[in-house]
Amino acid sequence: MRSVKSRVALFAVAGVLVFSLTGCSQSQIYATDKLTGTYVAIPNGWNKIEKSELDKAESKSTAPGAAEKLANVLWHEAYTTSPEVTATQILNLQAPVGAAVYVRVRALDFSEINSISYNSLRNLLVPITTWLDDPAKANPKFVLIDDYERVEKVARGIRTIYTFEDAAGVSETVDQTALLSDDRSQVYILVVRAKTKYYNKNVDELLAIGDSFTVRGDK
C-alpha cells in the first residue's frame, strides 16, 4: 500500500531554526525543533508561517478545549506554496491554494494520555473510522488511499492519506502523520494538504515531505 503513485494515477536552543543541509541547499530546507527532536524537509522556496501567527489564529478558536491545547503546544509552524494562504486557513479544513504543510508538537493532558489510541490519531482532522465503519455517513468524496503504522525512535502512530470534500465542495487530499511518544506524554503531527488535482500533479514532492517527518526526541 506504500506506492501512492499507483493508487492516485498532514537548531536553535531557544526554539526553531530553519536551515539548509549541506548538499541539499538548492532543493530543500529543514524545519527543525531541537527541543523535541522533530524535523521535516520542505521544498526550497515555500513560504513560512511563523509560530506567532499560528498562535494568534488559534487563540481565536471557540472550540471546547482549544485554549488548553494551545497552551500545551511545544512547537508548530507551517509552509505553503502560495503566500495567499493565511495562518487561519492552515488551521481549518478549507482546501488551500497550492499546497500547505503544518507541523505540530503538543503535550498531552492527563485525560488524553489515558484515552488516546491509533483510532483517535487517525481521526485527527475528520472521523475516518466512522466513515469506514458506516459508508452511509461518509463524506461524499471520501477515499482512503493509504493507512499504515509509522514508527520513529521515540514515538509511533499512524500515517493516513485520504481524499474528502471540503465545506466548499472541493476535493482535497490530505497526508497526515500523527505519532504518540513512547511515554504517552506528547503527540507529533504533520499534515500535508492540497486540492486533489494539485496533489495528484505533485504527488512525488508532497509524498517526500511526509516521508521526511522524523522524531528523535530531546537529547
Protein backbone atom coordinates (compact mmCIF):
# COMPACT_ATOMS: atom_id res chain seq x y z
CA MET A 1 0.00 0.00 0.00
CA ARG A 2 3.03 2.30 0.16
CA SER A 3 3.04 3.36 -3.53
CA VAL A 4 0.55 6.22 -3.68
CA LYS A 5 1.56 6.98 -7.24
CA SER A 6 -0.13 3.79 -8.36
CA ARG A 7 -3.18 4.48 -6.22
CA VAL A 8 -3.74 8.08 -7.27
CA ALA A 9 -2.78 7.69 -11.19
CA LEU A 10 -0.62 16.25 7.25
CA PHE A 11 18.81 24.13 15.65
CA ALA A 12 18.41 26.93 17.98
CA VAL A 13 18.49 26.29 21.75
CA ALA A 14 15.73 28.82 22.20
CA GLY A 15 13.42 27.23 19.70
CA VAL A 16 13.24 26.82 15.94
CA LEU A 17 15.82 27.10 13.19
CA VAL A 18 15.15 26.53 9.52
CA PHE A 19 18.34 25.68 7.71
CA SER A 20 19.57 24.05 4.55
CA LEU A 21 21.57 20.86 4.91
CA THR A 22 24.92 20.65 3.19
CA GLY A 23 24.46 19.34 -0.32
CA CYS A 24 20.69 19.93 -0.25
CA SER A 25 20.62 23.72 -0.05
CA GLN A 26 19.28 24.13 -3.57
CA SER A 27 16.39 21.72 -3.19
CA GLN A 28 15.07 21.75 0.39
CA ILE A 29 15.15 23.31 3.81
CA TYR A 30 14.58 21.64 7.15
CA ALA A 31 12.02 22.85 9.66
CA THR A 32 13.52 21.74 12.93
CA ASP A 33 12.79 21.90 16.64
CA LYS A 34 15.76 20.76 18.71
CA LEU A 35 13.86 20.70 22.00
CA THR A 36 11.51 17.94 20.79
CA GLY A 37 13.89 16.39 18.26
CA THR A 38 11.43 16.87 15.41
CA TYR A 39 12.09 17.85 11.81
CA VAL A 40 10.61 17.75 8.34
CA ALA A 41 12.08 18.59 4.92
CA ILE A 42 10.29 21.30 2.94
CA PRO A 43 10.96 22.17 -0.72
CA ASN A 44 13.09 25.26 -1.06
CA GLY A 45 11.16 28.44 -1.84
CA TRP A 46 7.98 27.64 0.10
CA ASN A 47 6.52 30.40 2.30
CA LYS A 48 6.89 30.03 6.06
CA ILE A 49 4.11 30.89 8.52
CA GLU A 50 5.62 31.63 11.90
CA LYS A 51 4.58 30.21 15.26
CA SER A 52 3.43 33.66 16.41
CA GLU A 53 0.97 33.89 13.51
CA LEU A 54 -0.38 30.41 14.20
CA ASP A 55 -0.69 31.16 17.92
CA LYS A 56 -2.69 34.30 17.15
CA ALA A 57 -5.02 32.44 14.79
CA GLU A 58 -5.54 29.50 17.13
CA SER A 59 -6.19 31.79 20.12
CA LYS A 60 -9.39 32.93 18.39
CA SER A 61 -10.87 29.43 18.35
CA THR A 62 -14.03 28.91 20.40
CA ALA A 63 -13.89 25.11 20.17
CA PRO A 64 -14.04 23.29 23.53
CA GLY A 65 -10.56 22.83 24.96
CA ALA A 66 -8.89 24.97 22.28
CA ALA A 67 -7.20 27.31 24.76
CA GLU A 68 -5.83 24.41 26.79
CA LYS A 69 -4.48 22.70 23.70
CA LEU A 70 -2.79 25.88 22.51
CA ALA A 71 -1.17 26.32 25.92
CA ASN A 72 0.31 22.83 25.55
CA VAL A 73 1.79 23.41 22.08
CA LEU A 74 5.54 22.93 22.27
CA TRP A 75 6.27 23.82 18.66
CA HIS A 76 4.38 24.45 15.45
CA GLU A 77 4.91 26.15 12.13
CA ALA A 78 3.60 25.95 8.59
CA TYR A 79 4.75 26.22 4.98
CA THR A 80 2.80 26.97 1.83
CA THR A 81 3.43 27.16 -1.88
CA SER A 82 1.32 30.32 -2.04
CA PRO A 83 1.67 33.49 0.08
CA GLU A 84 -2.12 33.81 -0.13
CA VAL A 85 -2.59 31.09 2.49
CA THR A 86 -3.02 32.52 5.99
CA ALA A 87 -2.45 31.04 9.43
CA THR A 88 -6.22 30.77 9.88
CA GLN A 89 -6.51 28.71 6.69
CA ILE A 90 -3.72 26.43 7.89
CA LEU A 91 -5.79 25.57 10.95
CA ASN A 92 -9.05 24.83 9.13
CA LEU A 93 -10.04 22.22 6.56
CA GLN A 94 -10.53 24.53 3.58
CA ALA A 95 -8.55 23.27 0.59
CA PRO A 96 -5.59 25.67 0.24
CA VAL A 97 -4.28 27.49 -2.78
CA GLY A 98 -1.43 25.23 -3.89
CA ALA A 99 -0.20 23.04 -1.04
CA ALA A 100 0.14 23.59 2.70
CA VAL A 101 2.21 21.82 5.35
CA TYR A 102 1.63 22.08 9.10
CA VAL A 103 3.87 20.52 11.74
CA ARG A 104 2.93 20.50 15.43
CA VAL A 105 4.20 19.03 18.70
CA ARG A 106 1.91 19.21 21.71
CA ALA A 107 1.99 17.92 25.27
CA LEU A 108 -0.99 15.81 26.30
CA ASP A 109 -3.09 16.40 29.38
CA PHE A 110 -3.99 13.59 31.77
CA SER A 111 -7.32 12.70 30.16
CA GLU A 112 -5.72 12.43 26.71
CA ILE A 113 -2.87 10.28 27.99
CA ASN A 114 -5.39 7.72 29.22
CA SER A 115 -7.66 7.76 26.18
CA ILE A 116 -5.56 8.31 23.07
CA SER A 117 -5.41 5.44 20.58
CA TYR A 118 -4.49 4.76 16.98
CA ASN A 119 -8.09 5.48 16.03
CA SER A 120 -8.03 8.88 17.71
CA LEU A 121 -4.75 9.64 15.93
CA ARG A 122 -6.30 8.55 12.64
CA ASN A 123 -9.34 10.76 13.28
CA LEU A 124 -7.16 13.82 13.80
CA LEU A 125 -8.99 16.03 11.28
CA VAL A 126 -12.04 14.07 10.14
CA PRO A 127 -13.85 10.98 11.53
CA ILE A 128 -12.19 8.45 9.27
CA THR A 129 -13.04 5.38 11.34
CA THR A 130 -16.72 6.35 11.37
CA TRP A 131 -16.71 6.83 7.61
CA LEU A 132 -15.08 3.43 7.13
CA ASP A 133 -17.45 1.66 9.51
CA ASP A 134 -20.57 3.26 8.04
CA PRO A 135 -20.14 4.41 4.41
CA ALA A 136 -23.63 5.93 4.50
CA LYS A 137 -22.25 8.54 6.91
CA ALA A 138 -19.07 9.16 4.95
CA ASN A 139 -18.06 12.38 3.27
CA PRO A 140 -19.29 12.37 -0.38
CA LYS A 141 -15.78 12.26 -1.84
CA PHE A 142 -14.05 10.24 0.86
CA VAL A 143 -11.47 7.78 -0.45
CA LEU A 144 -8.90 6.11 1.82
CA ILE A 145 -5.66 5.99 -0.16
CA ASP A 146 -3.26 4.62 2.46
CA ASP A 147 -3.18 3.89 6.16
CA TYR A 148 -0.22 2.32 7.95
CA GLU A 149 1.82 2.39 11.13
CA ARG A 150 4.78 4.76 11.40
CA VAL A 151 7.47 4.01 13.98
CA GLU A 152 10.10 6.56 14.99
CA LYS A 153 12.89 6.46 17.55
CA VAL A 154 10.74 7.69 20.45
CA ALA A 155 7.21 7.59 19.04
CA ARG A 156 4.81 5.58 16.93
CA GLY A 157 1.46 6.14 15.31
CA ILE A 158 -0.41 6.27 12.02
CA ARG A 159 0.17 7.80 8.61
CA THR A 160 -3.10 8.17 6.74
CA ILE A 161 -3.61 9.53 3.23
CA TYR A 162 -7.13 10.22 2.03
CA THR A 163 -9.34 12.40 -0.12
CA PHE A 164 -12.52 14.15 1.02
CA GLU A 165 -14.75 17.07 0.10
CA ASP A 166 -14.26 20.33 2.00
CA ALA A 167 -17.11 22.65 3.01
CA ALA A 168 -16.99 24.38 -0.38
CA GLY A 169 -17.37 21.09 -2.24
CA VAL A 170 -13.72 20.97 -3.33
CA SER A 171 -11.95 17.62 -3.41
CA GLU A 172 -8.96 17.80 -1.07
CA THR A 173 -6.22 15.23 -0.43
CA VAL A 174 -4.60 15.01 2.99
CA ASP A 175 -1.43 13.19 4.03
CA GLN A 176 -1.39 13.19 7.83
CA THR A 177 1.03 11.58 10.25
CA ALA A 178 0.13 11.52 13.94
CA LEU A 179 2.57 9.94 16.37
CA LEU A 180 2.33 9.32 20.11
CA SER A 181 5.52 9.44 22.18
CA ASP A 182 6.50 6.18 23.83
CA ASP A 183 5.83 7.69 27.26
CA ARG A 184 2.42 8.92 26.01
CA SER A 185 3.21 12.50 27.01
CA GLN A 186 3.33 14.17 23.56
CA VAL A 187 1.85 13.98 20.07
CA TYR A 188 3.80 14.80 16.92
CA ILE A 189 1.69 15.81 13.93
CA LEU A 190 2.40 16.52 10.30
CA VAL A 191 -0.36 17.47 7.87
CA VAL A 192 0.23 17.94 4.13
CA ARG A 193 -2.84 19.21 2.23
CA ALA A 194 -3.75 20.27 -1.28
CA LYS A 195 -6.64 20.25 -3.70
CA THR A 196 -6.74 16.75 -5.15
CA LYS A 197 -5.87 17.93 -8.65
CA TYR A 198 -2.81 19.74 -7.32
CA TYR A 199 -1.86 16.79 -5.12
CA ASN A 200 -2.03 14.29 -7.97
CA LYS A 201 0.09 16.54 -10.18
CA ASN A 202 2.73 16.99 -7.45
CA VAL A 203 2.40 13.67 -5.67
CA ASP A 204 6.12 12.81 -5.57
CA GLU A 205 7.09 16.13 -3.99
CA LEU A 206 4.27 16.02 -1.44
CA LEU A 207 4.85 12.39 -0.51
CA ALA A 208 8.51 13.19 0.11
CA ILE A 209 7.52 15.74 2.74
CA GLY A 210 5.56 13.13 4.65
CA ASP A 211 8.37 10.61 4.25
CA SER A 212 10.88 13.05 5.74
CA PHE A 213 8.97 13.61 9.00
CA THR A 214 11.32 12.45 11.77
CA VAL A 215 11.03 12.35 15.55
CA ARG A 216 14.21 11.69 17.54
CA GLY A 217 13.19 13.13 20.90
CA ASP A 218 15.11 15.52 23.11
CA LYS A 219 18.78 14.84 23.65
